[in-house]
N, C-alpha and C. Protein backbone atom coordinates (compact mmCIF):
# COMPACT_ATOMS: atom_id res chain seq x y z
N UNK A 1 108.17 86.71 76.77
CA UNK A 1 109.33 86.14 77.36
C UNK A 1 108.82 85.17 78.37
N UNK A 2 108.73 83.91 78.15
CA UNK A 2 108.22 82.97 79.03
C UNK A 2 109.23 82.61 80.08
N UNK A 3 108.84 82.58 81.38
CA UNK A 3 109.66 82.16 82.49
C UNK A 3 108.96 80.86 83.02
N UNK A 4 109.74 79.77 83.07
CA UNK A 4 109.12 78.49 83.35
C UNK A 4 108.86 78.34 84.89
N UNK A 5 109.86 78.79 85.72
CA UNK A 5 109.78 78.70 87.14
C UNK A 5 110.42 79.74 87.83
N UNK A 6 109.83 80.14 88.96
CA UNK A 6 110.40 81.16 89.81
C UNK A 6 110.43 80.52 91.25
N UNK A 7 111.67 80.26 91.76
CA UNK A 7 111.77 79.61 93.04
C UNK A 7 112.61 80.48 94.00
N UNK A 8 112.24 80.35 95.20
CA UNK A 8 113.06 81.00 96.27
C UNK A 8 113.56 79.94 97.28
N UNK A 9 114.82 79.99 97.69
CA UNK A 9 115.31 78.98 98.63
C UNK A 9 114.53 79.19 99.90
N UNK A 10 114.29 78.00 100.62
CA UNK A 10 113.47 78.07 101.85
C UNK A 10 114.03 79.05 102.91
N UNK A 11 115.33 79.20 102.95
CA UNK A 11 115.88 80.14 103.90
C UNK A 11 115.53 81.56 103.75
N UNK A 12 115.18 81.89 102.55
CA UNK A 12 114.80 83.28 102.23
C UNK A 12 113.29 83.54 102.17
N UNK A 13 112.48 82.46 102.33
CA UNK A 13 111.04 82.69 102.30
C UNK A 13 110.52 83.38 103.56
N UNK A 14 109.46 84.16 103.29
CA UNK A 14 108.85 84.87 104.43
C UNK A 14 109.60 86.10 104.84
N UNK A 15 110.52 86.59 104.08
CA UNK A 15 111.32 87.75 104.43
C UNK A 15 111.13 88.93 103.47
N UNK A 16 110.21 88.79 102.56
CA UNK A 16 109.84 89.89 101.67
C UNK A 16 110.61 89.84 100.35
N UNK A 17 111.55 88.94 100.18
CA UNK A 17 112.34 88.93 98.95
C UNK A 17 111.58 88.63 97.68
N UNK A 18 110.61 87.71 97.87
CA UNK A 18 109.76 87.32 96.71
C UNK A 18 108.92 88.50 96.30
N UNK A 19 108.34 89.24 97.23
CA UNK A 19 107.52 90.41 96.89
C UNK A 19 108.33 91.50 96.33
N UNK A 20 109.58 91.70 96.84
CA UNK A 20 110.46 92.65 96.29
C UNK A 20 110.84 92.32 94.85
N UNK A 21 111.01 91.03 94.56
CA UNK A 21 111.34 90.62 93.22
C UNK A 21 110.22 90.88 92.27
N UNK A 22 108.94 90.55 92.67
CA UNK A 22 107.74 90.85 91.86
C UNK A 22 107.70 92.32 91.58
N UNK A 23 107.85 93.17 92.55
CA UNK A 23 107.78 94.59 92.38
C UNK A 23 108.81 95.10 91.42
N UNK A 24 110.03 94.63 91.62
CA UNK A 24 111.15 95.10 90.75
C UNK A 24 110.93 94.57 89.29
N UNK A 25 110.56 93.37 89.13
CA UNK A 25 110.44 92.81 87.76
C UNK A 25 109.26 93.57 87.10
N UNK A 26 108.24 93.88 87.87
CA UNK A 26 107.11 94.67 87.28
C UNK A 26 107.61 96.04 86.88
N UNK A 27 108.45 96.69 87.62
CA UNK A 27 108.95 98.01 87.25
C UNK A 27 109.77 97.92 85.96
N UNK A 28 110.62 96.87 85.87
CA UNK A 28 111.49 96.72 84.68
C UNK A 28 110.58 96.39 83.43
N UNK A 29 109.70 95.61 83.57
CA UNK A 29 108.76 95.24 82.47
C UNK A 29 107.97 96.44 82.02
N UNK A 30 107.46 97.23 82.87
CA UNK A 30 106.79 98.43 82.50
C UNK A 30 107.69 99.35 81.66
N UNK A 31 108.89 99.48 82.03
CA UNK A 31 109.89 100.36 81.28
C UNK A 31 110.05 99.85 79.88
N UNK A 32 109.97 98.50 79.67
CA UNK A 32 110.09 97.91 78.30
C UNK A 32 108.75 97.78 77.70
N UNK A 33 107.69 98.41 78.19
CA UNK A 33 106.34 98.49 77.70
C UNK A 33 105.68 97.10 77.56
N UNK A 34 106.03 96.26 78.52
CA UNK A 34 105.21 94.98 78.67
C UNK A 34 103.99 95.35 79.43
N UNK A 35 102.83 94.94 78.93
CA UNK A 35 101.53 95.33 79.47
C UNK A 35 101.01 94.57 80.72
N UNK A 36 101.44 93.24 80.83
CA UNK A 36 100.94 92.43 81.93
C UNK A 36 101.87 91.24 82.16
N UNK A 37 101.68 90.64 83.34
CA UNK A 37 102.28 89.34 83.59
C UNK A 37 101.16 88.31 83.74
N UNK A 38 101.26 87.23 83.09
CA UNK A 38 100.26 86.17 83.17
C UNK A 38 100.93 84.95 83.73
N UNK A 39 100.36 84.39 84.80
CA UNK A 39 100.92 83.18 85.43
C UNK A 39 99.81 82.25 85.81
N UNK A 40 100.17 80.98 86.07
CA UNK A 40 99.18 80.09 86.58
C UNK A 40 99.74 79.37 87.79
N UNK A 41 98.87 79.01 88.63
CA UNK A 41 99.16 78.24 89.87
C UNK A 41 97.92 77.51 90.31
N UNK A 42 97.93 76.78 91.30
CA UNK A 42 96.77 76.02 91.80
C UNK A 42 96.28 76.76 93.11
N UNK A 43 94.96 76.94 93.20
CA UNK A 43 94.35 77.65 94.35
C UNK A 43 94.83 77.15 95.69
N UNK A 44 95.05 75.92 95.79
CA UNK A 44 95.39 75.38 97.07
C UNK A 44 96.89 75.50 97.44
N UNK A 45 97.71 75.92 96.47
CA UNK A 45 99.16 76.13 96.78
C UNK A 45 99.42 77.39 97.48
N UNK A 46 100.45 77.42 98.24
CA UNK A 46 100.83 78.71 98.97
C UNK A 46 101.13 79.82 98.01
N UNK A 47 101.53 79.45 96.82
CA UNK A 47 101.86 80.46 95.81
C UNK A 47 100.65 81.29 95.43
N UNK A 48 99.44 80.72 95.49
CA UNK A 48 98.27 81.53 95.16
C UNK A 48 98.09 82.70 96.09
N UNK A 49 98.19 82.46 97.35
CA UNK A 49 98.00 83.55 98.31
C UNK A 49 99.13 84.57 98.22
N UNK A 50 100.33 84.12 97.90
CA UNK A 50 101.44 85.00 97.68
C UNK A 50 101.19 85.88 96.50
N UNK A 51 100.76 85.34 95.38
CA UNK A 51 100.54 86.16 94.22
C UNK A 51 99.34 87.13 94.51
N UNK A 52 98.31 86.60 95.15
CA UNK A 52 97.18 87.47 95.44
C UNK A 52 97.58 88.72 96.33
N UNK A 53 98.44 88.45 97.29
CA UNK A 53 98.96 89.51 98.10
C UNK A 53 99.79 90.58 97.40
N UNK A 54 100.32 90.08 96.27
CA UNK A 54 101.13 90.96 95.45
C UNK A 54 100.49 91.55 94.24
N UNK A 55 99.12 91.57 94.33
CA UNK A 55 98.27 92.27 93.34
C UNK A 55 97.82 91.55 92.18
N UNK A 56 98.14 90.20 92.02
CA UNK A 56 97.59 89.40 90.94
C UNK A 56 96.21 89.15 91.15
N UNK A 57 95.39 89.19 90.08
CA UNK A 57 93.98 88.90 90.14
C UNK A 57 93.60 87.69 89.40
N UNK A 58 92.58 86.96 89.88
CA UNK A 58 92.15 85.68 89.17
C UNK A 58 91.38 86.12 87.93
N UNK A 59 91.60 85.37 86.85
CA UNK A 59 90.82 85.64 85.63
C UNK A 59 89.68 84.72 85.69
N UNK A 60 88.47 85.28 85.88
CA UNK A 60 87.26 84.45 86.15
C UNK A 60 86.84 83.63 85.00
N UNK A 61 87.02 84.05 83.75
CA UNK A 61 86.61 83.27 82.61
C UNK A 61 87.68 82.28 82.11
N UNK A 62 88.83 82.28 82.76
CA UNK A 62 89.89 81.37 82.37
C UNK A 62 89.69 79.97 82.95
N UNK A 63 89.84 79.03 82.20
CA UNK A 63 89.64 77.65 82.70
C UNK A 63 90.85 76.81 82.26
N UNK A 64 91.45 76.08 83.17
CA UNK A 64 92.48 75.13 82.81
C UNK A 64 91.83 73.82 82.43
N UNK A 65 92.33 73.21 81.40
CA UNK A 65 91.83 71.88 80.91
C UNK A 65 92.98 70.95 80.93
N UNK A 66 92.63 69.63 81.23
CA UNK A 66 93.64 68.56 81.36
C UNK A 66 93.00 67.30 80.80
N UNK A 67 93.81 66.57 80.03
CA UNK A 67 93.40 65.37 79.46
C UNK A 67 94.44 64.31 79.84
N UNK A 68 94.08 63.31 80.65
CA UNK A 68 95.05 62.26 80.97
C UNK A 68 94.94 61.23 79.94
N UNK A 69 96.11 60.84 79.44
CA UNK A 69 96.19 59.82 78.44
C UNK A 69 96.76 58.51 79.01
N UNK A 70 96.02 57.48 78.85
CA UNK A 70 96.51 56.16 79.40
C UNK A 70 96.27 55.85 80.77
């Protein structure tokens, strides 16, 4: 089930709602026997530290590739 974006309105940031959402969606997915959540972000984005604080681990052998055309 691909989710393209997860956004939180600025007024709600830093209040624990994002972490609560991650925890709850993890609980729901476990109940439906989903084995893992895979996501990508950029290390320099604030999202990286948010996901790290919420238990996500970096995949050391995973490499993102990009080809600019034109």
